[in-house]
Amino acid sequence: MSVKAMMATILQNQLTLRGVHSLTTSDYQEILELLIEQLRELELHLAAREVADNREPH
């Protein structure tokens, strides 16, 4: 099982514990892909900001 599949299963289990029963396996996989993409974008943004901050004279 891939890491993404395991993460989707964890997400599904956690949401099921919280009363969400209407989503399909593909819904969980799609949500996970969106979360991963948003995390990548955030990581790039934070890295760019750190580089910019380090270039400013102190």
C-alpha atoms as a PDB file:
ATOM      1  CA  MET A   1       0.000   0.000   0.000  1.00  0.00           C
ATOM      2  CA  SER A   2       1.368   3.415  -0.944  1.00  0.00           C
ATOM      3  CA  VAL A   3       1.830   6.218   1.551  1.00  0.00           C
ATOM      4  CA  LYS A   4      -0.946   8.204  -0.133  1.00  0.00           C
ATOM      5  CA  ALA A   5      -3.310   5.239   0.102  1.00  0.00           C
ATOM      6  CA  MET A   6      -2.485   4.828   3.793  1.00  0.00           C
ATOM      7  CA  MET A   7      -3.053   8.549   4.379  1.00  0.00           C
ATOM      8  CA  ALA A   8      -6.403   8.371   2.559  1.00  0.00           C
ATOM      9  CA  THR A   9      -7.398   5.425   4.761  1.00  0.00           C
ATOM     10  CA  ILE A  10      -6.422   7.341   7.907  1.00  0.00           C
ATOM     11  CA  LEU A  11      -8.452  10.340   6.689  1.00  0.00           C
ATOM     12  CA  GLN A  12     -11.422   8.102   5.959  1.00  0.00           C
ATOM     13  CA  ASN A  13     -11.204   6.446   9.383  1.00  0.00           C
ATOM     14  CA  GLN A  14     -10.955   9.760  11.194  1.00  0.00           C
ATOM     15  CA  LEU A  15     -13.869  11.320   9.334  1.00  0.00           C
ATOM     16  CA  THR A  16     -15.963   8.192   9.836  1.00  0.00           C
ATOM     17  CA  LEU A  17     -15.323   8.434  13.586  1.00  0.00           C
ATOM     18  CA  ARG A  18     -16.654  12.000  13.362  1.00  0.00           C
ATOM     19  CA  GLY A  19     -19.853  10.970  11.608  1.00  0.00           C
ATOM     20  CA  VAL A  20     -18.939  11.394   7.929  1.00  0.00           C
ATOM     21  CA  HIS A  21     -20.253   8.366   6.055  1.00  0.00           C
ATOM     22  CA  SER A  22     -21.236   9.738   2.647  1.00  0.00           C
ATOM     23  CA  LEU A  23     -17.828  10.032   0.940  1.00  0.00           C
ATOM     24  CA  THR A  24     -16.379   7.445  -1.411  1.00  0.00           C
ATOM     25  CA  THR A  25     -12.837   6.120  -1.464  1.00  0.00           C
ATOM     26  CA  SER A  26     -12.127   8.308  -4.483  1.00  0.00           C
ATOM     27  CA  ASP A  27     -13.419  11.335  -2.542  1.00  0.00           C
ATOM     28  CA  TYR A  28     -10.882  10.668   0.215  1.00  0.00           C
ATOM     29  CA  GLN A  29      -8.107  10.219  -2.335  1.00  0.00           C
ATOM     30  CA  GLU A  30      -9.059  13.473  -4.074  1.00  0.00           C
ATOM     31  CA  ILE A  31      -9.167  15.366  -0.767  1.00  0.00           C
ATOM     32  CA  LEU A  32      -5.757  13.970   0.126  1.00  0.00           C
ATOM     33  CA  GLU A  33      -4.286  15.025  -3.242  1.00  0.00           C
ATOM     34  CA  LEU A  34      -5.619  18.554  -2.705  1.00  0.00           C
ATOM     35  CA  LEU A  35      -4.162  18.663   0.812  1.00  0.00           C
ATOM     36  CA  ILE A  36      -0.770  17.488  -0.423  1.00  0.00           C
ATOM     37  CA  GLU A  37      -0.766  20.088  -3.202  1.00  0.00           C
ATOM     38  CA  GLN A  38      -1.710  22.855  -0.767  1.00  0.00           C
ATOM     39  CA  LEU A  39       1.039  21.756   1.614  1.00  0.00           C
ATOM     40  CA  ARG A  40       3.568  21.829  -1.237  1.00  0.00           C
ATOM     41  CA  GLU A  41       2.493  25.335  -2.197  1.00  0.00           C
ATOM     42  CA  LEU A  42       2.712  26.465   1.430  1.00  0.00           C
ATOM     43  CA  GLU A  43       6.169  24.916   1.775  1.00  0.00           C
ATOM     44  CA  LEU A  44       7.366  26.725  -1.370  1.00  0.00           C
ATOM     45  CA  HIS A  45       5.874  30.009  -0.180  1.00  0.00           C
ATOM     46  CA  LEU A  46       7.526  29.704   3.224  1.00  0.00           C
ATOM     47  CA  ALA A  47      10.870  28.779   1.671  1.00  0.00           C
ATOM     48  CA  ALA A  48      10.686  31.767  -0.693  1.00  0.00           C
ATOM     49  CA  ARG A  49       9.836  34.064   2.205  1.00  0.00           C
ATOM     50  CA  GLU A  50      12.750  32.707   4.225  1.00  0.00           C
ATOM     51  CA  VAL A  51      15.136  33.317   1.316  1.00  0.00           C
ATOM     52  CA  ALA A  52      13.780  36.846   0.901  1.00  0.00           C
ATOM     53  CA  ASP A  53      14.118  37.530   4.623  1.00  0.00           C
ATOM     54  CA  ASN A  54      17.727  36.291   4.593  1.00  0.00           C
ATOM     55  CA  ARG A  55      18.606  38.635   1.718  1.00  0.00           C
ATOM     56  CA  GLU A  56      17.380  41.722   3.541  1.00  0.00           C
ATOM     57  CA  PRO A  57      20.110  43.650   5.342  1.00  0.00           C
ATOM     58  CA  HIS A  58      19.806  43.401   9.118  1.00  0.00           C
END
